[in-house]
Amino acid sequence: MRTRSTAASAAAAAVVVSLLSPVLASATVAGGDPFGPSERARHGLISVGLTSDQRLVGFDVRDPADTWSLGKVSGLQGDDRLVGIDFRVQNGKLYGVGDKGGVYSVDSAAKALKVSQLTVALQGRHFGVDFNPAANRLRVISDTGQNLRHNIDDPAAPLTTTADGTLTNPTVPPSTALGVTGAAYSNNDLDAATATTLFDIDTTNDRVSLQSPANAGTLAPTGNLGVNAGPSAGFDIYHQASDGSNRGYAALSTGGRQRFYKVDVLTGKATLIGAFPAGRQIVDVALPLDQR
C-alpha cells in the first residue's frame, strides 16, 4: 500500500500555514502556535484562487467574499498567463499551466518556476487542469474537446505530452464535447487501494460529467448543475483521507459574477456558497492537501 511521503505531507502542511499567515499573523493560542487546532477549525478549509488578472488569493471555502492576496503571478517564461492551477499529491506543491504550455511550480507568494513544457500545443480559450494522483500525470482539457496527459518527471517518459482521445458526448452518433472547462480527480491520495475518478464541468450543457476512460475522453453525465454557467469553470475536489469523502468546489460565472459553489459530483447539483469580491474574479481554484 502506498502512503503519502513524509516530505509531501510536510510540504502540504507548509502550504496551509503560509496561506493562513496573512489572516492569523496576530493570533495567539496555547503554546504560541497561531496555527493550532482552534484556529484551523475556525478558518475551515482554505483554497487558493487564480484571478482573471493573474493574482493568487487565499480564502476560506465557507466565505469566498473574504479573500486575501498572496501575490501577482511572476516568473513565467514564454507564457503570458496561467490558465489553471492544481496541487500535486506526490509532493504537495502547487502547479500552474501557462497559455503557451509551460508547466510551473508556484510558491505561496505566486512566484512561478518553470519545470516542464507541454509538447502538444494548447487548443482553446478555457482549460481544466488537474493531477491524476494514481498515474502521476497532469491532465489538461479544454473547451475545444482537447484532452492532454503530461508526464512531468516520471522516468518512464519524462517531459512528454500525450494527446488522448477528444472529449466526446454520449450522443448518437458521438459528438465532440465543447465547453468542458473544469476537471478534477477524486480520492487525491497515494493509497494504491484507492481508485480515482475524473469529473468534468461542462459549461455548454451546465452539467457534471464522468470522464471514463479518461484517456479515451468519453463523457457520461452525472447530473445538471442547476445554474447557467459561463464558459470559465474553476474546479477542484478535496479528498478527506480519514473518512474517504470527496467534496467538489467550483468557481463559476453566473449572473455576470464569479461565484463559488459546492458541487455534488454524483448528482451534478451546484449549491451556492457566495460571490467573490468584484475586484477579485476567480477563474480557477485549488485546495491544499491534508488540511484535516
C-alpha atoms as a PDB file:
ATOM      1  CA  MET A   1       0.000   0.000   0.000  1.00  0.00           C
ATOM      2  CA  ARG A   2       1.361   3.398  -0.934  1.00  0.00           C
ATOM      3  CA  THR A   3       1.015   6.204   1.567  1.00  0.00           C
ATOM      4  CA  ARG A   4       1.814   9.857   1.299  1.00  0.00           C
ATOM      5  CA  SER A   5       5.521  10.522   1.853  1.00  0.00           C
ATOM      6  CA  THR A   6       6.735  12.478   4.863  1.00  0.00           C
ATOM      7  CA  ALA A   7       8.167  15.114   2.529  1.00  0.00           C
ATOM      8  CA  ALA A   8       4.873  15.542   0.692  1.00  0.00           C
ATOM      9  CA  SER A   9       2.931  15.775   3.946  1.00  0.00           C
ATOM     10  CA  ALA A  10       5.351  18.370   5.281  1.00  0.00           C
ATOM     11  CA  ALA A  11       5.074  20.364   2.067  1.00  0.00           C
ATOM     12  CA  ALA A  12       1.282  20.282   2.224  1.00  0.00           C
ATOM     13  CA  ALA A  13       1.304  21.441   5.848  1.00  0.00           C
ATOM     14  CA  ALA A  14       3.692  24.267   4.980  1.00  0.00           C
ATOM     15  CA  VAL A  15       1.359  25.433   2.221  1.00  0.00           C
ATOM     16  CA  VAL A  16      -1.585  25.644   4.612  1.00  0.00           C
ATOM     17  CA  VAL A  17       0.496  27.561   7.147  1.00  0.00           C
ATOM     18  CA  SER A  18       1.685  30.034   4.516  1.00  0.00           C
ATOM     19  CA  LEU A  19      -1.855  30.552   3.241  1.00  0.00           C
ATOM     20  CA  LEU A  20      -3.180  31.172   6.730  1.00  0.00           C
ATOM     21  CA  SER A  21      -0.352  33.531   7.711  1.00  0.00           C
ATOM     22  CA  PRO A  22      -1.940  36.766   6.400  1.00  0.00           C
ATOM     23  CA  VAL A  23      -5.111  36.260   8.420  1.00  0.00           C
ATOM     24  CA  LEU A  24      -3.564  34.718  11.512  1.00  0.00           C
ATOM     25  CA  ALA A  25      -0.455  36.854  11.901  1.00  0.00           C
ATOM     26  CA  SER A  26      -1.708  38.370  15.137  1.00  0.00           C
ATOM     27  CA  ALA A  27      -3.401  35.257  16.501  1.00  0.00           C
ATOM     28  CA  THR A  28      -2.143  33.575  19.667  1.00  0.00           C
ATOM     29  CA  VAL A  29      -3.173  30.247  21.131  1.00  0.00           C
ATOM     30  CA  ALA A  30      -1.854  27.941  23.810  1.00  0.00           C
ATOM     31  CA  GLY A  31       1.810  27.186  23.248  1.00  0.00           C
ATOM     32  CA  GLY A  32       2.234  30.217  20.991  1.00  0.00           C
ATOM     33  CA  ASP A  33       1.163  28.368  17.836  1.00  0.00           C
ATOM     34  CA  PRO A  34      -1.008  30.646  15.656  1.00  0.00           C
ATOM     35  CA  PHE A  35      -1.992  27.605  13.586  1.00  0.00           C
ATOM     36  CA  GLY A  36      -3.250  25.472  16.464  1.00  0.00           C
ATOM     37  CA  PRO A  37      -6.390  23.315  16.293  1.00  0.00           C
ATOM     38  CA  SER A  38      -8.767  26.088  17.342  1.00  0.00           C
ATOM     39  CA  GLU A  39      -7.546  28.434  14.622  1.00  0.00           C
ATOM     40  CA  ARG A  40      -7.597  25.741  11.946  1.00  0.00           C
ATOM     41  CA  ALA A  41     -11.142  24.829  12.953  1.00  0.00           C
ATOM     42  CA  ARG A  42     -12.191  28.470  12.938  1.00  0.00           C
ATOM     43  CA  HIS A  43     -10.932  29.003   9.423  1.00  0.00           C
ATOM     44  CA  GLY A  44     -12.094  25.714   7.940  1.00  0.00           C
ATOM     45  CA  LEU A  45     -10.824  24.561   4.563  1.00  0.00           C
ATOM     46  CA  ILE A  46      -8.612  27.026   2.725  1.00  0.00           C
ATOM     47  CA  SER A  47      -8.494  27.339  -1.064  1.00  0.00           C
ATOM     48  CA  VAL A  48      -6.137  29.095  -3.433  1.00  0.00           C
ATOM     49  CA  GLY A  49      -7.781  31.064  -6.212  1.00  0.00           C
ATOM     50  CA  LEU A  50      -6.351  32.253  -9.528  1.00  0.00           C
ATOM     51  CA  THR A  51      -7.892  35.555 -10.585  1.00  0.00           C
ATOM     52  CA  SER A  52      -8.626  36.817 -14.076  1.00  0.00           C
ATOM     53  CA  ASP A  53      -5.873  39.430 -13.662  1.00  0.00           C
ATOM     54  CA  GLN A  54      -3.278  36.788 -12.732  1.00  0.00           C
ATOM     55  CA  ARG A  55      -3.129  37.037  -8.975  1.00  0.00           C
ATOM     56  CA  LEU A  56      -3.235  34.291  -6.403  1.00  0.00           C
ATOM     57  CA  VAL A  57      -5.539  34.756  -3.437  1.00  0.00           C
ATOM     58  CA  GLY A  58      -6.489  32.659  -0.449  1.00  0.00           C
ATOM     59  CA  PHE A  59      -9.952  32.227   1.032  1.00  0.00           C
ATOM     60  CA  ASP A  60     -11.962  30.093   3.422  1.00  0.00           C
ATOM     61  CA  VAL A  61     -14.314  27.933   1.351  1.00  0.00           C
ATOM     62  CA  ARG A  62     -17.165  28.970   3.659  1.00  0.00           C
ATOM     63  CA  ASP A  63     -16.685  32.672   2.880  1.00  0.00           C
ATOM     64  CA  PRO A  64     -15.493  33.414  -0.683  1.00  0.00           C
ATOM     65  CA  ALA A  65     -16.287  37.120  -0.235  1.00  0.00           C
ATOM     66  CA  ASP A  66     -13.340  37.417   2.165  1.00  0.00           C
ATOM     67  CA  THR A  67     -10.136  36.840   0.188  1.00  0.00           C
ATOM     68  CA  TRP A  68      -6.556  37.814   0.914  1.00  0.00           C
ATOM     69  CA  SER A  69      -3.785  38.440  -1.587  1.00  0.00           C
ATOM     70  CA  LEU A  70      -0.871  36.052  -1.980  1.00  0.00           C
ATOM     71  CA  GLY A  71       0.750  37.947  -4.836  1.00  0.00           C
ATOM     72  CA  LYS A  72       0.816  38.713  -8.531  1.00  0.00           C
ATOM     73  CA  VAL A  73       1.912  35.753 -10.650  1.00  0.00           C
ATOM     74  CA  SER A  74       5.518  36.295 -11.731  1.00  0.00           C
ATOM     75  CA  GLY A  75       8.351  34.298 -13.263  1.00  0.00           C
ATOM     76  CA  LEU A  76       6.560  32.987 -16.362  1.00  0.00           C
ATOM     77  CA  GLN A  77       8.878  32.081 -19.243  1.00  0.00           C
ATOM     78  CA  GLY A  78       7.361  32.013 -22.724  1.00  0.00           C
ATOM     79  CA  ASP A  79       3.815  32.235 -21.358  1.00  0.00           C
ATOM     80  CA  ASP A  80       1.603  35.291 -20.947  1.00  0.00           C
ATOM     81  CA  ARG A  81      -0.648  33.903 -18.218  1.00  0.00           C
ATOM     82  CA  LEU A  82      -1.596  30.850 -16.218  1.00  0.00           C
ATOM     83  CA  VAL A  83      -4.727  29.062 -17.418  1.00  0.00           C
ATOM     84  CA  GLY A  84      -5.123  26.669 -14.493  1.00  0.00           C
ATOM     85  CA  ILE A  85      -3.685  25.545 -11.153  1.00  0.00           C
ATOM     86  CA  ASP A  86      -3.666  22.381  -9.026  1.00  0.00           C
ATOM     87  CA  PHE A  87      -1.886  20.786  -6.078  1.00  0.00           C
ATOM     88  CA  ARG A  88       0.103  17.646  -6.813  1.00  0.00           C
ATOM     89  CA  VAL A  89      -0.234  14.815  -4.316  1.00  0.00           C
ATOM     90  CA  GLN A  90       3.257  13.434  -4.986  1.00  0.00           C
ATOM     91  CA  ASN A  91       4.951  16.433  -3.354  1.00  0.00           C
ATOM     92  CA  GLY A  92       2.182  18.697  -2.018  1.00  0.00           C
ATOM     93  CA  LYS A  93       3.228  21.593  -4.254  1.00  0.00           C
ATOM     94  CA  LEU A  94       1.052  23.963  -6.272  1.00  0.00           C
ATOM     95  CA  TYR A  95       1.498  23.877 -10.048  1.00  0.00           C
ATOM     96  CA  GLY A  96       0.217  26.048 -12.864  1.00  0.00           C
ATOM     97  CA  VAL A  97      -0.076  25.639 -16.627  1.00  0.00           C
ATOM     98  CA  GLY A  98       0.654  28.580 -18.933  1.00  0.00           C
ATOM     99  CA  ASP A  99      -1.222  29.550 -22.070  1.00  0.00           C
ATOM    100  CA  LYS A 100       1.742  28.513 -24.230  1.00  0.00           C
ATOM    101  CA  GLY A 101       2.122  25.181 -22.454  1.00  0.00           C
ATOM    102  CA  GLY A 102       4.675  25.967 -19.779  1.00  0.00           C
ATOM    103  CA  VAL A 103       4.300  23.985 -16.554  1.00  0.00           C
ATOM    104  CA  TYR A 104       5.337  25.733 -13.344  1.00  0.00           C
ATOM    105  CA  SER A 105       5.651  25.087  -9.651  1.00  0.00           C
ATOM    106  CA  VAL A 106       4.198  28.113  -7.855  1.00  0.00           C
ATOM    107  CA  ASP A 107       5.092  29.198  -4.331  1.00  0.00           C
ATOM    108  CA  SER A 108       2.785  30.848  -1.795  1.00  0.00           C
ATOM    109  CA  ALA A 109       3.939  34.301  -2.928  1.00  0.00           C
ATOM    110  CA  ALA A 110       2.803  33.492  -6.510  1.00  0.00           C
ATOM    111  CA  LYS A 111       6.333  33.204  -7.903  1.00  0.00           C
ATOM    112  CA  ALA A 112       6.434  30.618 -10.680  1.00  0.00           C
ATOM    113  CA  LEU A 113       9.359  28.346 -11.549  1.00  0.00           C
ATOM    114  CA  LYS A 114       9.220  26.579 -14.905  1.00  0.00           C
ATOM    115  CA  VAL A 115       9.663  22.827 -14.501  1.00  0.00           C
ATOM    116  CA  SER A 116       8.339  21.413 -17.765  1.00  0.00           C
ATOM    117  CA  GLN A 117       6.757  22.200 -21.136  1.00  0.00           C
ATOM    118  CA  LEU A 118       3.804  20.590 -22.877  1.00  0.00           C
ATOM    119  CA  THR A 119       4.952  19.078 -26.166  1.00  0.00           C
ATOM    120  CA  VAL A 120       1.473  19.417 -27.692  1.00  0.00           C
ATOM    121  CA  ALA A 121       0.161  22.957 -28.235  1.00  0.00           C
ATOM    122  CA  LEU A 122      -2.905  24.007 -26.275  1.00  0.00           C
ATOM    123  CA  GLN A 123      -6.116  24.495 -28.249  1.00  0.00           C
ATOM    124  CA  GLY A 124      -8.905  26.635 -26.854  1.00  0.00           C
ATOM    125  CA  ARG A 125      -9.572  29.570 -24.581  1.00  0.00           C
ATOM    126  CA  HIS A 126     -10.628  27.965 -21.301  1.00  0.00           C
ATOM    127  CA  PHE A 127      -8.927  24.965 -19.694  1.00  0.00           C
ATOM    128  CA  GLY A 128      -9.249  22.469 -16.869  1.00  0.00           C
ATOM    129  CA  VAL A 129      -6.056  21.392 -15.094  1.00  0.00           C
ATOM    130  CA  ASP A 130      -5.706  18.555 -12.564  1.00  0.00           C
ATOM    131  CA  PHE A 131      -3.223  15.889 -11.484  1.00  0.00           C
ATOM    132  CA  ASN A 132      -4.108  12.212 -11.640  1.00  0.00           C
ATOM    133  CA  PRO A 133      -2.918  11.003  -8.211  1.00  0.00           C
ATOM    134  CA  ALA A 134      -2.672   7.356  -9.254  1.00  0.00           C
ATOM    135  CA  ALA A 135      -0.910   7.726 -12.605  1.00  0.00           C
ATOM    136  CA  ASN A 136       1.213  10.740 -11.602  1.00  0.00           C
ATOM    137  CA  ARG A 137       0.223  12.597 -14.762  1.00  0.00           C
ATOM    138  CA  LEU A 138      -1.074  16.113 -15.375  1.00  0.00           C
ATOM    139  CA  ARG A 139      -4.447  16.202 -17.154  1.00  0.00           C
ATOM    140  CA  VAL A 140      -5.323  19.264 -19.261  1.00  0.00           C
ATOM    141  CA  ILE A 141      -8.678  19.579 -21.029  1.00  0.00           C
ATOM    142  CA  SER A 142     -10.158  22.466 -22.991  1.00  0.00           C
ATOM    143  CA  ASP A 143     -13.359  23.976 -24.330  1.00  0.00           C
ATOM    144  CA  THR A 144     -12.480  22.612 -27.788  1.00  0.00           C
ATOM    145  CA  GLY A 145     -12.531  18.999 -26.595  1.00  0.00           C
ATOM    146  CA  GLN A 146      -8.753  18.738 -26.289  1.00  0.00           C
ATOM    147  CA  ASN A 147      -7.636  16.072 -23.810  1.00  0.00           C
ATOM    148  CA  LEU A 148      -3.947  16.019 -22.876  1.00  0.00           C
ATOM    149  CA  ARG A 149      -1.885  13.916 -20.479  1.00  0.00           C
ATOM    150  CA  HIS A 150       1.561  15.186 -19.457  1.00  0.00           C
ATOM    151  CA  ASN A 151       4.418  13.476 -17.651  1.00  0.00           C
ATOM    152  CA  ILE A 152       6.391  15.983 -15.598  1.00  0.00           C
ATOM    153  CA  ASP A 153       9.171  13.869 -14.120  1.00  0.00           C
ATOM    154  CA  ASP A 154       8.309  10.160 -14.143  1.00  0.00           C
ATOM    155  CA  PRO A 155      11.392   8.341 -15.545  1.00  0.00           C
ATOM    156  CA  ALA A 156       9.081   6.197 -17.695  1.00  0.00           C
ATOM    157  CA  ALA A 157       8.750   9.018 -20.247  1.00  0.00           C
ATOM    158  CA  PRO A 158       9.637  12.374 -18.677  1.00  0.00           C
ATOM    159  CA  LEU A 159       8.623  15.716 -20.188  1.00  0.00           C
ATOM    160  CA  THR A 160       6.298  14.197 -22.777  1.00  0.00           C
ATOM    161  CA  THR A 161       2.683  15.041 -23.585  1.00  0.00           C
ATOM    162  CA  THR A 162       0.152  12.579 -24.978  1.00  0.00           C
ATOM    163  CA  ALA A 163      -2.851  13.801 -26.961  1.00  0.00           C
ATOM    164  CA  ASP A 164      -5.562  11.474 -25.702  1.00  0.00           C
ATOM    165  CA  GLY A 165      -8.990  10.917 -27.225  1.00  0.00           C
ATOM    166  CA  THR A 166     -11.071  14.013 -27.900  1.00  0.00           C
ATOM    167  CA  LEU A 167     -13.720  14.714 -25.264  1.00  0.00           C
ATOM    168  CA  THR A 168     -16.917  13.138 -26.565  1.00  0.00           C
ATOM    169  CA  ASN A 169     -20.550  13.437 -25.507  1.00  0.00           C
ATOM    170  CA  PRO A 170     -22.707  10.272 -25.481  1.00  0.00           C
ATOM    171  CA  THR A 171     -24.920  11.344 -28.362  1.00  0.00           C
ATOM    172  CA  VAL A 172     -25.853   9.231 -31.389  1.00  0.00           C
ATOM    173  CA  PRO A 173     -23.564   9.488 -33.202  1.00  0.00           C
ATOM    174  CA  PRO A 174     -20.994  10.624 -30.590  1.00  0.00           C
ATOM    175  CA  SER A 175     -20.095  14.318 -30.821  1.00  0.00           C
ATOM    176  CA  THR A 176     -17.140  16.412 -29.690  1.00  0.00           C
ATOM    177  CA  ALA A 177     -17.808  17.893 -26.256  1.00  0.00           C
ATOM    178  CA  LEU A 178     -17.336  21.659 -26.388  1.00  0.00           C
ATOM    179  CA  GLY A 179     -17.287  23.934 -23.355  1.00  0.00           C
ATOM    180  CA  VAL A 180     -15.820  21.408 -20.910  1.00  0.00           C
ATOM    181  CA  THR A 181     -13.523  23.628 -18.841  1.00  0.00           C
ATOM    182  CA  GLY A 182     -13.326  22.202 -15.310  1.00  0.00           C
ATOM    183  CA  ALA A 183     -11.561  18.958 -14.368  1.00  0.00           C
ATOM    184  CA  ALA A 184     -10.898  17.284 -11.012  1.00  0.00           C
ATOM    185  CA  TYR A 185      -9.885  13.822  -9.822  1.00  0.00           C
ATOM    186  CA  SER A 186     -11.431  12.210  -6.745  1.00  0.00           C
ATOM    187  CA  ASN A 187      -9.541  10.353  -3.990  1.00  0.00           C
ATOM    188  CA  ASN A 188      -6.463  12.549  -4.149  1.00  0.00           C
ATOM    189  CA  ASP A 189      -4.084  10.309  -2.217  1.00  0.00           C
ATOM    190  CA  LEU A 190      -1.266   7.835  -2.783  1.00  0.00           C
ATOM    191  CA  ASP A 191      -3.036   4.760  -1.469  1.00  0.00           C
ATOM    192  CA  ALA A 192      -2.745   2.056  -4.130  1.00  0.00           C
ATOM    193  CA  ALA A 193      -6.007   0.558  -2.895  1.00  0.00           C
ATOM    194  CA  THR A 194      -7.902   3.771  -3.618  1.00  0.00           C
ATOM    195  CA  ALA A 195      -9.250   4.261  -7.128  1.00  0.00           C
ATOM    196  CA  THR A 196      -9.510   7.726  -8.642  1.00  0.00           C
ATOM    197  CA  THR A 197     -12.180   9.112 -10.963  1.00  0.00           C
ATOM    198  CA  LEU A 198     -12.055  12.153 -13.246  1.00  0.00           C
ATOM    199  CA  PHE A 199     -15.050  14.500 -13.163  1.00  0.00           C
ATOM    200  CA  ASP A 200     -15.558  17.435 -15.546  1.00  0.00           C
ATOM    201  CA  ILE A 201     -17.751  20.513 -15.596  1.00  0.00           C
ATOM    202  CA  ASP A 202     -19.474  21.064 -18.936  1.00  0.00           C
ATOM    203  CA  THR A 203     -20.398  24.752 -19.202  1.00  0.00           C
ATOM    204  CA  THR A 204     -22.205  24.315 -22.523  1.00  0.00           C
ATOM    205  CA  ASN A 205     -24.727  21.854 -21.104  1.00  0.00           C
ATOM    206  CA  ASP A 206     -24.412  23.058 -17.473  1.00  0.00           C
ATOM    207  CA  ARG A 207     -23.690  19.645 -16.025  1.00  0.00           C
ATOM    208  CA  VAL A 208     -21.099  17.429 -14.385  1.00  0.00           C
ATOM    209  CA  SER A 209     -19.765  14.518 -16.404  1.00  0.00           C
ATOM    210  CA  LEU A 210     -17.682  11.487 -15.579  1.00  0.00           C
ATOM    211  CA  GLN A 211     -14.710  11.205 -17.945  1.00  0.00           C
ATOM    212  CA  SER A 212     -14.138   7.486 -18.274  1.00  0.00           C
ATOM    213  CA  PRO A 213     -11.937   6.086 -19.563  1.00  0.00           C
ATOM    214  CA  ALA A 214     -10.098   9.367 -19.009  1.00  0.00           C
ATOM    215  CA  ASN A 215      -7.632   8.666 -21.803  1.00  0.00           C
ATOM    216  CA  ALA A 216     -10.452   7.930 -24.249  1.00  0.00           C
ATOM    217  CA  GLY A 217     -12.229  11.204 -23.433  1.00  0.00           C
ATOM    218  CA  THR A 218     -15.644   9.554 -23.171  1.00  0.00           C
ATOM    219  CA  LEU A 219     -18.074  11.604 -21.066  1.00  0.00           C
ATOM    220  CA  ALA A 220     -21.024  10.291 -19.066  1.00  0.00           C
ATOM    221  CA  PRO A 221     -23.208  12.990 -17.450  1.00  0.00           C
ATOM    222  CA  THR A 222     -23.926  12.523 -13.735  1.00  0.00           C
ATOM    223  CA  GLY A 223     -26.400  15.399 -13.396  1.00  0.00           C
ATOM    224  CA  ASN A 224     -27.219  19.040 -14.041  1.00  0.00           C
ATOM    225  CA  LEU A 225     -25.600  21.898 -12.146  1.00  0.00           C
ATOM    226  CA  GLY A 226     -28.888  23.737 -11.811  1.00  0.00           C
ATOM    227  CA  VAL A 227     -27.257  27.031 -12.809  1.00  0.00           C
ATOM    228  CA  ASN A 228     -26.489  28.713 -16.123  1.00  0.00           C
ATOM    229  CA  ALA A 229     -22.688  28.783 -16.069  1.00  0.00           C
ATOM    230  CA  GLY A 230     -20.424  30.923 -18.225  1.00  0.00           C
ATOM    231  CA  PRO A 231     -17.571  29.400 -20.243  1.00  0.00           C
ATOM    232  CA  SER A 232     -14.930  29.549 -17.489  1.00  0.00           C
ATOM    233  CA  ALA A 233     -15.101  26.945 -14.699  1.00  0.00           C
ATOM    234  CA  GLY A 234     -12.543  26.520 -11.929  1.00  0.00           C
ATOM    235  CA  PHE A 235     -12.999  23.118 -10.289  1.00  0.00           C
ATOM    236  CA  ASP A 236     -11.343  21.022  -7.595  1.00  0.00           C
ATOM    237  CA  ILE A 237     -12.220  18.088  -5.345  1.00  0.00           C
ATOM    238  CA  TYR A 238     -10.994  17.980  -1.757  1.00  0.00           C
ATOM    239  CA  HIS A 239     -10.390  14.432  -0.546  1.00  0.00           C
ATOM    240  CA  GLN A 240     -10.614  13.725   3.178  1.00  0.00           C
ATOM    241  CA  ALA A 241      -8.459  10.638   3.678  1.00  0.00           C
ATOM    242  CA  SER A 242      -9.666   9.972   7.225  1.00  0.00           C
ATOM    243  CA  ASP A 243     -13.234   9.245   6.134  1.00  0.00           C
ATOM    244  CA  GLY A 244     -12.823   8.764   2.382  1.00  0.00           C
ATOM    245  CA  SER A 245     -15.095  11.685   1.494  1.00  0.00           C
ATOM    246  CA  ASN A 246     -14.759  13.854  -1.605  1.00  0.00           C
ATOM    247  CA  ARG A 247     -16.106  17.410  -1.738  1.00  0.00           C
ATOM    248  CA  GLY A 248     -16.329  19.269  -5.022  1.00  0.00           C
ATOM    249  CA  TYR A 249     -15.907  23.048  -5.229  1.00  0.00           C
ATOM    250  CA  ALA A 250     -16.231  25.260  -8.285  1.00  0.00           C
ATOM    251  CA  ALA A 251     -15.793  28.871  -9.311  1.00  0.00           C
ATOM    252  CA  LEU A 252     -18.493  29.530 -11.908  1.00  0.00           C
ATOM    253  CA  SER A 253     -19.558  32.622 -13.807  1.00  0.00           C
ATOM    254  CA  THR A 254     -23.276  33.143 -13.180  1.00  0.00           C
ATOM    255  CA  GLY A 255     -25.331  36.306 -13.466  1.00  0.00           C
ATOM    256  CA  GLY A 256     -22.314  38.327 -14.568  1.00  0.00           C
ATOM    257  CA  ARG A 257     -20.267  37.492 -11.433  1.00  0.00           C
ATOM    258  CA  GLN A 258     -17.794  34.827 -10.431  1.00  0.00           C
ATOM    259  CA  ARG A 259     -19.404  32.801  -7.660  1.00  0.00           C
ATOM    260  CA  PHE A 260     -18.266  29.893  -5.524  1.00  0.00           C
ATOM    261  CA  TYR A 261     -20.280  26.673  -5.328  1.00  0.00           C
ATOM    262  CA  LYS A 262     -20.176  23.359  -3.581  1.00  0.00           C
ATOM    263  CA  VAL A 263     -20.688  20.659  -6.213  1.00  0.00           C
ATOM    264  CA  ASP A 264     -22.042  17.157  -5.664  1.00  0.00           C
ATOM    265  CA  VAL A 265     -20.184  15.299  -8.394  1.00  0.00           C
ATOM    266  CA  LEU A 266     -22.531  12.297  -8.243  1.00  0.00           C
ATOM    267  CA  THR A 267     -25.720  14.318  -8.823  1.00  0.00           C
ATOM    268  CA  GLY A 268     -24.246  17.378 -10.531  1.00  0.00           C
ATOM    269  CA  LYS A 269     -26.035  19.777  -8.180  1.00  0.00           C
ATOM    270  CA  ALA A 270     -24.217  23.060  -7.527  1.00  0.00           C
ATOM    271  CA  THR A 271     -25.060  24.802  -4.240  1.00  0.00           C
ATOM    272  CA  LEU A 272     -24.159  28.478  -3.980  1.00  0.00           C
ATOM    273  CA  ILE A 273     -21.802  29.405  -1.151  1.00  0.00           C
ATOM    274  CA  GLY A 274     -21.254  33.039  -2.134  1.00  0.00           C
ATOM    275  CA  ALA A 275     -19.832  35.533  -4.615  1.00  0.00           C
ATOM    276  CA  PHE A 276     -16.201  36.555  -4.924  1.00  0.00           C
ATOM    277  CA  PRO A 277     -15.297  40.241  -4.480  1.00  0.00           C
ATOM    278  CA  ALA A 278     -15.897  42.318  -7.614  1.00  0.00           C
ATOM    279  CA  GLY A 279     -12.199  43.165  -7.807  1.00  0.00           C
ATOM    280  CA  ARG A 280     -11.065  39.556  -7.465  1.00  0.00           C
ATOM    281  CA  GLN A 281     -12.820  37.461 -10.071  1.00  0.00           C
ATOM    282  CA  ILE A 282     -11.515  33.944  -9.522  1.00  0.00           C
ATOM    283  CA  VAL A 283     -11.284  31.684 -12.566  1.00  0.00           C
ATOM    284  CA  ASP A 284      -9.676  28.592 -11.020  1.00  0.00           C
ATOM    285  CA  VAL A 285      -9.395  27.068  -7.556  1.00  0.00           C
ATOM    286  CA  ALA A 286      -7.075  24.565  -5.894  1.00  0.00           C
ATOM    287  CA  LEU A 287      -7.373  23.265  -2.346  1.00  0.00           C
ATOM    288  CA  PRO A 288      -4.148  22.408  -0.494  1.00  0.00           C
ATOM    289  CA  LEU A 289      -3.853  18.783   0.568  1.00  0.00           C
ATOM    290  CA  ASP A 290      -4.019  17.338   4.094  1.00  0.00           C
ATOM    291  CA  GLN A 291      -5.835  20.213   5.772  1.00  0.00           C
ATOM    292  CA  ARG A 292      -7.619  17.986   8.294  1.00  0.00           C
END
